[in-house]
């Protein structure tokens, strides 16, 4: 039985390898950026410094 994927990609900007990923269990949004052989991942924050949360819907 295949395990369900926890993260989904919601945005991609291919010119600069920027992606936004959402954790389907918590709704927390993450920004991923890669360049060459390196990359980085960080939580997306709103203007108040709190994590950006996407509402979770049951499928």
Protein backbone atom coordinates (compact mmCIF):
# COMPACT_ATOMS: atom_id res chain seq x y z
CA UNK A 1 0.00 0.00 0.00
CA UNK A 2 1.63 3.31 -1.08
CA UNK A 3 2.03 5.93 1.62
CA UNK A 4 0.19 9.21 1.01
CA UNK A 5 2.43 12.20 0.26
CA UNK A 6 2.60 14.73 3.09
CA UNK A 7 3.69 17.77 1.05
CA UNK A 8 2.16 19.28 -2.09
CA UNK A 9 3.72 21.87 -4.39
CA UNK A 10 1.38 24.84 -4.76
CA UNK A 11 3.61 27.29 -6.68
CA UNK A 12 6.59 27.07 -8.99
CA UNK A 13 8.64 29.81 -10.63
CA UNK A 14 10.99 27.92 -12.92
CA UNK A 15 13.12 30.87 -14.01
CA UNK A 16 14.68 31.13 -10.55
CA UNK A 17 13.85 27.66 -9.12
CA UNK A 18 11.48 28.96 -6.43
CA UNK A 19 8.70 26.71 -5.12
CA UNK A 20 6.08 26.87 -2.38
CA UNK A 21 5.22 23.60 -0.61
CA UNK A 22 2.34 23.00 1.82
CA UNK A 23 2.36 20.43 4.61
CA UNK A 24 -1.01 18.67 4.25
CA UNK A 25 -1.11 17.75 7.95
CA UNK A 26 -0.46 21.22 9.41
CA UNK A 27 -1.18 23.62 6.51
CA UNK A 28 2.19 25.36 7.03
CA UNK A 29 3.70 26.86 3.84
CA UNK A 30 7.40 26.52 3.02
CA UNK A 31 9.53 28.37 0.46
CA UNK A 32 12.15 26.29 -1.36
CA UNK A 33 14.87 27.83 -3.53
CA UNK A 34 17.59 25.98 -5.39
CA UNK A 35 20.57 27.18 -7.38
CA UNK A 36 23.15 24.85 -8.87
CA UNK A 37 24.06 22.18 -6.34
CA UNK A 38 22.58 24.00 -3.34
CA UNK A 39 19.12 24.75 -2.02
CA UNK A 40 17.27 26.05 0.98
CA UNK A 41 13.93 25.62 2.70
CA UNK A 42 12.24 28.02 5.11
CA UNK A 43 8.82 28.65 6.59
CA UNK A 44 6.86 31.41 4.84
CA UNK A 45 5.95 34.19 7.29
CA UNK A 46 3.19 36.80 7.12
CA UNK A 47 3.73 40.49 7.89
CA UNK A 48 3.35 39.81 11.63
CA UNK A 49 6.04 37.12 11.60
CA UNK A 50 3.62 34.20 11.96
CA UNK A 51 3.72 31.16 9.65
CA UNK A 52 1.48 31.27 6.60
CA UNK A 53 -1.16 28.57 7.06
CA UNK A 54 -3.31 27.14 4.25
CA UNK A 55 -6.65 25.75 5.50
CA UNK A 56 -6.70 21.94 5.36
CA UNK A 57 -9.64 20.37 3.52
CA UNK A 58 -10.65 16.72 3.70
CA UNK A 59 -10.52 14.97 0.36
